Amino acid sequence: MSGFFRPLDSEGRVAAHQQTRVSAFLVSAHGALARQSAFSLPARLESAWQTELNAQLYRETEIVSLLLRATSWAPDPGLGYMAVAWESAWYPAPIYEISDWPLAVAAGLATLAHAVHAGIRPAALLPVEANPNDPFVMALRRIEFESGRLLQAQILSLKGPDFLPFRDVVTSALERRHTEVRKLWRDMLQSVGIGARDSNDEKP
């Protein structure tokens, strides 16, 4: 089992079945973040975390749109049951110890977003010989770049004054989300012959 996409074709492109399953996972995760961001936004922005949530909504939507167009999709009979497990994992998990309900929902979403952007590094799967001009290769590198930007914003948000009184419960929820997301990512990669390597996730 390789730690990278293999085998590449003669033009340095990733096999369609690997593209399909990895992209389906990423579309599921980032699509869930986009949906939850949209439902969590109020009609009028009144705090810093709401402003960041608005920016996240559009960036997540762009990631999904990019993947849908850049992936060479192939039939994958196993995706049905896997997608059910993924979607169940992304289900909103408000932090109930926070009495302000909109903030509790936002905190739960922030922990999921942090886990997705810190724990899923798709460009790290690309071997050096991958075709840099292939749309899928370029898409994964772009997604990792955007994830890094979003992650930094989420760290600042989770460290901000809104969440400071709830530091312990937010940290606990964040650790649970990281564990869950890493396991799903590893299991999905192993299903297409890719051995994911553990990394030290950045914590707020």
C-alpha atoms as a PDB file:
ATOM      1  CA  MET A   1       0.000   0.000   0.000  1.00  0.00           C
ATOM      2  CA  SER A   2       1.460   3.352  -1.058  1.00  0.00           C
ATOM      3  CA  GLY A   3       1.273   6.673   0.765  1.00  0.00           C
ATOM      4  CA  PHE A   4       0.608   8.403  -2.562  1.00  0.00           C
ATOM      5  CA  PHE A   5      -1.720   8.188  -5.537  1.00  0.00           C
ATOM      6  CA  ARG A   6      -0.447   5.249  -7.637  1.00  0.00           C
ATOM      7  CA  PRO A   7      -0.170   4.076 -10.285  1.00  0.00           C
ATOM      8  CA  LEU A   8      -0.196   7.233 -12.412  1.00  0.00           C
ATOM      9  CA  ASP A   9      -0.905   6.902 -16.117  1.00  0.00           C
ATOM     10  CA  SER A  10       1.632   7.693 -18.852  1.00  0.00           C
ATOM     11  CA  GLU A  11       0.752  11.403 -18.620  1.00  0.00           C
ATOM     12  CA  GLY A  12       1.177  11.615 -14.865  1.00  0.00           C
ATOM     13  CA  ARG A  13      -2.542  11.635 -14.077  1.00  0.00           C
ATOM     14  CA  VAL A  14      -4.191  10.026 -11.062  1.00  0.00           C
ATOM     15  CA  ALA A  15      -6.353   6.964 -11.754  1.00  0.00           C
ATOM     16  CA  ALA A  16     -10.024   7.824 -12.178  1.00  0.00           C
ATOM     17  CA  HIS A  17     -11.224   5.470  -9.425  1.00  0.00           C
ATOM     18  CA  GLN A  18      -8.893   7.132  -6.908  1.00  0.00           C
ATOM     19  CA  GLN A  19      -9.941  10.594  -8.091  1.00  0.00           C
ATOM     20  CA  THR A  20     -13.585   9.627  -7.720  1.00  0.00           C
ATOM     21  CA  ARG A  21     -13.470   8.330  -4.170  1.00  0.00           C
ATOM     22  CA  VAL A  22     -11.177  11.043  -2.817  1.00  0.00           C
ATOM     23  CA  SER A  23     -13.203  13.793  -4.488  1.00  0.00           C
ATOM     24  CA  ALA A  24     -16.477  12.292  -3.266  1.00  0.00           C
ATOM     25  CA  PHE A  25     -15.136  12.386   0.290  1.00  0.00           C
ATOM     26  CA  LEU A  26     -13.948  15.980  -0.068  1.00  0.00           C
ATOM     27  CA  VAL A  27     -17.218  17.099  -1.679  1.00  0.00           C
ATOM     28  CA  SER A  28     -19.114  15.472   1.185  1.00  0.00           C
ATOM     29  CA  ALA A  29     -16.991  17.182   3.864  1.00  0.00           C
ATOM     30  CA  HIS A  30     -16.759  20.637   2.305  1.00  0.00           C
ATOM     31  CA  GLY A  31     -20.353  20.498   1.137  1.00  0.00           C
ATOM     32  CA  ALA A  32     -21.452  19.817   4.712  1.00  0.00           C
ATOM     33  CA  LEU A  33     -19.409  22.783   5.926  1.00  0.00           C
ATOM     34  CA  ALA A  34     -20.998  25.000   3.279  1.00  0.00           C
ATOM     35  CA  ARG A  35     -24.539  23.885   4.185  1.00  0.00           C
ATOM     36  CA  GLN A  36     -24.035  24.311   7.894  1.00  0.00           C
ATOM     37  CA  SER A  37     -22.428  27.718   7.384  1.00  0.00           C
ATOM     38  CA  ALA A  38     -25.411  28.834   5.304  1.00  0.00           C
ATOM     39  CA  PHE A  39     -27.963  27.658   7.888  1.00  0.00           C
ATOM     40  CA  SER A  40     -25.996  29.183  10.771  1.00  0.00           C
ATOM     41  CA  LEU A  41     -25.717  32.671   9.287  1.00  0.00           C
ATOM     42  CA  PRO A  42     -28.139  35.301  10.552  1.00  0.00           C
ATOM     43  CA  ALA A  43     -29.713  37.841   8.202  1.00  0.00           C
ATOM     44  CA  ARG A  44     -27.504  40.539   9.721  1.00  0.00           C
ATOM     45  CA  LEU A  45     -23.902  40.068  10.813  1.00  0.00           C
ATOM     46  CA  GLU A  46     -23.354  41.283  14.369  1.00  0.00           C
ATOM     47  CA  SER A  47     -20.120  39.653  15.534  1.00  0.00           C
ATOM     48  CA  ALA A  48     -16.666  38.663  14.322  1.00  0.00           C
ATOM     49  CA  TRP A  49     -17.420  34.925  14.223  1.00  0.00           C
ATOM     50  CA  GLN A  50     -20.447  35.573  12.001  1.00  0.00           C
ATOM     51  CA  THR A  51     -18.274  37.554   9.591  1.00  0.00           C
ATOM     52  CA  GLU A  52     -15.820  34.677   9.378  1.00  0.00           C
ATOM     53  CA  LEU A  53     -18.676  32.224   8.897  1.00  0.00           C
ATOM     54  CA  ASN A  54     -19.882  34.228   5.908  1.00  0.00           C
ATOM     55  CA  ALA A  55     -16.432  34.053   4.313  1.00  0.00           C
ATOM     56  CA  GLN A  56     -16.234  30.325   5.015  1.00  0.00           C
ATOM     57  CA  LEU A  57     -19.548  29.706   3.263  1.00  0.00           C
ATOM     58  CA  TYR A  58     -18.275  31.058  -0.047  1.00  0.00           C
ATOM     59  CA  ARG A  59     -14.864  29.414   0.143  1.00  0.00           C
ATOM     60  CA  GLU A  60     -16.365  26.010   0.897  1.00  0.00           C
ATOM     61  CA  THR A  61     -18.776  26.417  -2.016  1.00  0.00           C
ATOM     62  CA  GLU A  62     -15.850  27.232  -4.310  1.00  0.00           C
ATOM     63  CA  ILE A  63     -13.996  24.108  -3.187  1.00  0.00           C
ATOM     64  CA  VAL A  64     -17.003  21.903  -3.980  1.00  0.00           C
ATOM     65  CA  SER A  65     -17.480  23.560  -7.374  1.00  0.00           C
ATOM     66  CA  LEU A  66     -13.804  23.113  -8.227  1.00  0.00           C
ATOM     67  CA  LEU A  67     -13.824  19.413  -7.345  1.00  0.00           C
ATOM     68  CA  LEU A  68     -16.969  18.693  -9.337  1.00  0.00           C
ATOM     69  CA  ARG A  69     -15.370  20.106 -12.472  1.00  0.00           C
ATOM     70  CA  ALA A  70     -11.750  19.009 -12.055  1.00  0.00           C
ATOM     71  CA  THR A  71     -12.349  15.343 -11.202  1.00  0.00           C
ATOM     72  CA  SER A  72     -12.375  12.554 -13.783  1.00  0.00           C
ATOM     73  CA  TRP A  73     -15.357  10.711 -12.322  1.00  0.00           C
ATOM     74  CA  ALA A  74     -15.743   6.946 -12.680  1.00  0.00           C
ATOM     75  CA  PRO A  75     -18.503   4.518 -11.578  1.00  0.00           C
ATOM     76  CA  ASP A  76     -17.976   3.486  -7.959  1.00  0.00           C
ATOM     77  CA  PRO A  77     -20.505   1.005  -6.522  1.00  0.00           C
ATOM     78  CA  GLY A  78     -19.019   1.330  -3.038  1.00  0.00           C
ATOM     79  CA  LEU A  79     -19.692   5.037  -2.717  1.00  0.00           C
ATOM     80  CA  GLY A  80     -23.315   4.669  -1.631  1.00  0.00           C
ATOM     81  CA  TYR A  81     -22.779   3.110   1.775  1.00  0.00           C
ATOM     82  CA  MET A  82     -19.576   5.103   2.384  1.00  0.00           C
ATOM     83  CA  ALA A  83     -21.343   8.396   1.691  1.00  0.00           C
ATOM     84  CA  VAL A  84     -23.988   7.533   4.278  1.00  0.00           C
ATOM     85  CA  ALA A  85     -21.269   7.083   6.924  1.00  0.00           C
ATOM     86  CA  TRP A  86     -19.583  10.344   5.917  1.00  0.00           C
ATOM     87  CA  GLU A  87     -22.759  12.388   5.971  1.00  0.00           C
ATOM     88  CA  SER A  88     -23.657  10.977   9.381  1.00  0.00           C
ATOM     89  CA  ALA A  89     -20.259  12.043  10.703  1.00  0.00           C
ATOM     90  CA  TRP A  90     -20.722  15.643   9.543  1.00  0.00           C
ATOM     91  CA  TYR A  91     -24.061  15.973  11.321  1.00  0.00           C
ATOM     92  CA  PRO A  92     -24.185  19.224  13.343  1.00  0.00           C
ATOM     93  CA  ALA A  93     -22.950  18.831  16.919  1.00  0.00           C
ATOM     94  CA  PRO A  94     -23.614  22.025  18.902  1.00  0.00           C
ATOM     95  CA  ILE A  95     -21.665  22.425  22.119  1.00  0.00           C
ATOM     96  CA  TYR A  96     -24.522  22.225  24.594  1.00  0.00           C
ATOM     97  CA  GLU A  97     -22.520  23.630  27.490  1.00  0.00           C
ATOM     98  CA  ILE A  98     -22.730  27.023  25.742  1.00  0.00           C
ATOM     99  CA  SER A  99     -26.059  28.590  26.709  1.00  0.00           C
ATOM    100  CA  ASP A 100     -26.141  31.023  23.769  1.00  0.00           C
ATOM    101  CA  TRP A 101     -27.649  28.683  21.145  1.00  0.00           C
ATOM    102  CA  PRO A 102     -26.363  30.410  17.966  1.00  0.00           C
ATOM    103  CA  LEU A 103     -22.898  30.488  19.515  1.00  0.00           C
ATOM    104  CA  ALA A 104     -23.202  26.820  20.566  1.00  0.00           C
ATOM    105  CA  VAL A 105     -24.025  25.870  16.967  1.00  0.00           C
ATOM    106  CA  ALA A 106     -21.186  28.024  15.626  1.00  0.00           C
ATOM    107  CA  ALA A 107     -18.738  26.429  18.061  1.00  0.00           C
ATOM    108  CA  GLY A 108     -19.721  22.948  16.920  1.00  0.00           C
ATOM    109  CA  LEU A 109     -19.319  23.968  13.284  1.00  0.00           C
ATOM    110  CA  ALA A 110     -15.949  25.575  13.991  1.00  0.00           C
ATOM    111  CA  THR A 111     -14.616  22.367  15.537  1.00  0.00           C
ATOM    112  CA  LEU A 112     -15.718  20.354  12.505  1.00  0.00           C
ATOM    113  CA  ALA A 113     -14.220  22.882  10.098  1.00  0.00           C
ATOM    114  CA  HIS A 114     -10.937  22.933  12.022  1.00  0.00           C
ATOM    115  CA  ALA A 115     -10.750  19.126  11.947  1.00  0.00           C
ATOM    116  CA  VAL A 116     -11.458  18.973   8.208  1.00  0.00           C
ATOM    117  CA  HIS A 117      -8.969  21.671   7.252  1.00  0.00           C
ATOM    118  CA  ALA A 118      -6.205  20.496   9.587  1.00  0.00           C
ATOM    119  CA  GLY A 119      -6.650  16.730   9.281  1.00  0.00           C
ATOM    120  CA  ILE A 120      -7.275  16.346   5.538  1.00  0.00           C
ATOM    121  CA  ARG A 121      -4.248  17.214   3.393  1.00  0.00           C
ATOM    122  CA  PRO A 122      -5.101  15.974  -0.119  1.00  0.00           C
ATOM    123  CA  ALA A 123      -2.135  17.517  -1.925  1.00  0.00           C
ATOM    124  CA  ALA A 124       0.221  15.466   0.282  1.00  0.00           C
ATOM    125  CA  LEU A 125      -1.013  12.379  -1.595  1.00  0.00           C
ATOM    126  CA  LEU A 126       0.430  13.617  -4.905  1.00  0.00           C
ATOM    127  CA  PRO A 127       3.753  12.004  -5.901  1.00  0.00           C
ATOM    128  CA  VAL A 128       6.416  14.288  -7.342  1.00  0.00           C
ATOM    129  CA  GLU A 129       5.875  12.865 -10.825  1.00  0.00           C
ATOM    130  CA  ALA A 130       2.184  13.866 -10.902  1.00  0.00           C
ATOM    131  CA  ASN A 131       1.356  16.106 -13.866  1.00  0.00           C
ATOM    132  CA  PRO A 132       1.263  19.672 -12.445  1.00  0.00           C
ATOM    133  CA  ASN A 133      -1.024  20.798 -15.281  1.00  0.00           C
ATOM    134  CA  ASP A 134      -3.671  18.152 -14.682  1.00  0.00           C
ATOM    135  CA  PRO A 135      -6.925  19.757 -13.406  1.00  0.00           C
ATOM    136  CA  PHE A 136      -7.295  17.276 -10.536  1.00  0.00           C
ATOM    137  CA  VAL A 137      -3.713  17.820  -9.370  1.00  0.00           C
ATOM    138  CA  MET A 138      -4.131  21.583  -9.539  1.00  0.00           C
ATOM    139  CA  ALA A 139      -7.467  21.345  -7.694  1.00  0.00           C
ATOM    140  CA  LEU A 140      -5.985  19.400  -4.770  1.00  0.00           C
ATOM    141  CA  ARG A 141      -3.159  21.904  -4.401  1.00  0.00           C
ATOM    142  CA  ARG A 142      -5.604  24.791  -4.520  1.00  0.00           C
ATOM    143  CA  ILE A 143      -7.836  23.147  -1.914  1.00  0.00           C
ATOM    144  CA  GLU A 144      -4.907  22.628   0.442  1.00  0.00           C
ATOM    145  CA  PHE A 145      -3.908  26.272   0.031  1.00  0.00           C
ATOM    146  CA  GLU A 146      -7.447  27.462   0.795  1.00  0.00           C
ATOM    147  CA  SER A 147      -7.711  25.053   3.729  1.00  0.00           C
ATOM    148  CA  GLY A 148      -4.590  26.588   5.238  1.00  0.00           C
ATOM    149  CA  ARG A 149      -6.109  30.062   5.011  1.00  0.00           C
ATOM    150  CA  LEU A 150      -9.398  28.914   6.504  1.00  0.00           C
ATOM    151  CA  LEU A 151      -7.606  27.046   9.272  1.00  0.00           C
ATOM    152  CA  GLN A 152      -5.734  30.133  10.408  1.00  0.00           C
ATOM    153  CA  ALA A 153      -8.992  32.094  10.535  1.00  0.00           C
ATOM    154  CA  GLN A 154     -10.663  29.320  12.539  1.00  0.00           C
ATOM    155  CA  ILE A 155      -7.810  29.231  15.037  1.00  0.00           C
ATOM    156  CA  LEU A 156      -8.178  32.971  15.617  1.00  0.00           C
ATOM    157  CA  SER A 157     -11.935  32.589  15.950  1.00  0.00           C
ATOM    158  CA  LEU A 158     -11.732  29.709  18.432  1.00  0.00           C
ATOM    159  CA  LYS A 159      -9.219  31.704  20.480  1.00  0.00           C
ATOM    160  CA  GLY A 160     -11.398  34.817  20.326  1.00  0.00           C
ATOM    161  CA  PRO A 161     -13.348  36.435  23.153  1.00  0.00           C
ATOM    162  CA  ASP A 162     -16.654  34.763  22.207  1.00  0.00           C
ATOM    163  CA  PHE A 163     -15.288  31.281  22.891  1.00  0.00           C
ATOM    164  CA  LEU A 164     -12.764  32.106  25.628  1.00  0.00           C
ATOM    165  CA  PRO A 165     -15.139  31.354  28.556  1.00  0.00           C
ATOM    166  CA  PHE A 166     -15.779  27.896  27.077  1.00  0.00           C
ATOM    167  CA  ARG A 167     -12.187  26.969  26.345  1.00  0.00           C
ATOM    168  CA  ASP A 168     -12.273  23.526  27.993  1.00  0.00           C
ATOM    169  CA  VAL A 169     -15.484  22.261  26.376  1.00  0.00           C
ATOM    170  CA  VAL A 170     -14.460  23.623  22.968  1.00  0.00           C
ATOM    171  CA  THR A 171     -11.063  21.911  23.219  1.00  0.00           C
ATOM    172  CA  SER A 172     -12.713  18.623  24.171  1.00  0.00           C
ATOM    173  CA  ALA A 173     -15.151  18.848  21.238  1.00  0.00           C
ATOM    174  CA  LEU A 174     -12.275  19.728  18.912  1.00  0.00           C
ATOM    175  CA  GLU A 175     -10.289  16.665  19.929  1.00  0.00           C
ATOM    176  CA  ARG A 176     -13.287  14.399  19.321  1.00  0.00           C
ATOM    177  CA  ARG A 177     -13.855  15.882  15.875  1.00  0.00           C
ATOM    178  CA  HIS A 178     -10.189  15.490  14.926  1.00  0.00           C
ATOM    179  CA  THR A 179     -10.191  11.847  15.912  1.00  0.00           C
ATOM    180  CA  GLU A 180     -13.372  11.148  13.955  1.00  0.00           C
ATOM    181  CA  VAL A 181     -12.296  12.976  10.799  1.00  0.00           C
ATOM    182  CA  ARG A 182      -8.827  11.390  10.743  1.00  0.00           C
ATOM    183  CA  LYS A 183     -10.322   7.909  11.014  1.00  0.00           C
ATOM    184  CA  LEU A 184     -12.791   8.518   8.180  1.00  0.00           C
ATOM    185  CA  TRP A 185     -10.025   9.949   5.983  1.00  0.00           C
ATOM    186  CA  ARG A 186      -7.664   7.027   6.667  1.00  0.00           C
ATOM    187  CA  ASP A 187     -10.371   4.428   6.083  1.00  0.00           C
ATOM    188  CA  MET A 188     -11.402   6.015   2.791  1.00  0.00           C
ATOM    189  CA  LEU A 189      -7.805   6.215   1.538  1.00  0.00           C
ATOM    190  CA  GLN A 190      -7.104   2.614   2.498  1.00  0.00           C
ATOM    191  CA  SER A 191     -10.155   1.551   0.470  1.00  0.00           C
ATOM    192  CA  VAL A 192      -8.343   2.733  -2.683  1.00  0.00           C
ATOM    193  CA  GLY A 193      -4.897   1.429  -1.746  1.00  0.00           C
ATOM    194  CA  ILE A 194      -3.458   4.553  -0.150  1.00  0.00           C
ATOM    195  CA  GLY A 195      -1.837   4.342   3.272  1.00  0.00           C
ATOM    196  CA  ALA A 196      -2.476   7.643   5.050  1.00  0.00           C
ATOM    197  CA  ARG A 197       0.248   8.874   7.365  1.00  0.00           C
ATOM    198  CA  ASP A 198      -0.489  10.479  10.718  1.00  0.00           C
ATOM    199  CA  SER A 199       0.469  14.114  11.149  1.00  0.00           C
ATOM    200  CA  ASN A 200       0.595  16.488  14.084  1.00  0.00           C
ATOM    201  CA  ASP A 201      -2.558  18.545  13.744  1.00  0.00           C
ATOM    202  CA  GLU A 202      -2.405  22.165  14.729  1.00  0.00           C
ATOM    203  CA  LYS A 203      -4.640  22.888  17.724  1.00  0.00           C
ATOM    204  CA  PRO A 204      -5.999  26.279  18.712  1.00  0.00           C
END
